[in-house]
């Protein structure tokens, strides 16, 4: 990867945002499942 004047960071930024969204959704699923099973949510 060359960080010169022609470098386009957008594909890397998009990949980061996609990964962050995926992790957030998975964590939400885990927390929802714990709450459904009667265990209180630790994070709100």
Protein backbone atom coordinates (compact mmCIF):
# COMPACT_ATOMS: atom_id res chain seq x y z
CA UNK A 1 0.00 0.00 0.00
CA UNK A 2 1.44 3.34 -1.01
CA UNK A 3 0.23 6.42 0.83
CA UNK A 4 1.13 8.83 -1.92
CA UNK A 5 -0.97 11.56 -3.47
CA UNK A 6 -2.83 9.03 -5.62
CA UNK A 7 -3.86 6.87 -2.66
CA UNK A 8 -7.63 6.44 -2.28
CA UNK A 9 -8.55 5.64 1.34
CA UNK A 10 -12.26 5.18 0.62
CA UNK A 11 -12.18 1.38 0.03
CA UNK A 12 -10.35 0.91 3.34
CA UNK A 13 -12.75 3.23 5.15
CA UNK A 14 -15.72 1.33 3.69
CA UNK A 15 -14.25 -2.01 4.76
CA UNK A 16 -13.72 -0.66 8.29
CA UNK A 17 -17.30 0.62 8.51
CA UNK A 18 -18.70 -2.68 7.21
CA UNK A 19 -16.69 -4.65 9.77
CA UNK A 20 -17.70 -2.32 12.62
CA UNK A 21 -21.38 -2.60 11.64
CA UNK A 22 -21.14 -6.40 11.53
CA UNK A 23 -19.52 -6.60 14.99
CA UNK A 24 -22.13 -4.20 16.39
CA UNK A 25 -24.97 -6.32 14.99
CA UNK A 26 -23.50 -9.54 16.36
CA UNK A 27 -23.01 -8.02 19.81
CA UNK A 28 -26.59 -6.79 19.71
CA UNK A 29 -27.80 -10.31 18.90
CA UNK A 30 -25.85 -11.75 21.85
CA UNK A 31 -27.19 -9.14 24.25
CA UNK A 32 -30.77 -9.59 22.99
CA UNK A 33 -30.47 -13.35 23.44
CA UNK A 34 -29.15 -12.97 26.99
CA UNK A 35 -32.04 -10.65 27.83
CA UNK A 36 -34.55 -13.07 26.27
CA UNK A 37 -33.16 -15.85 28.45
CA UNK A 38 -33.77 -13.76 31.56
CA UNK A 39 -30.25 -12.57 32.15
CA UNK A 40 -30.07 -8.79 32.63
CA UNK A 41 -28.21 -6.68 30.13
CA UNK A 42 -24.97 -5.33 31.42
CA UNK A 43 -24.60 -2.65 28.75
CA UNK A 44 -27.30 -0.22 27.73
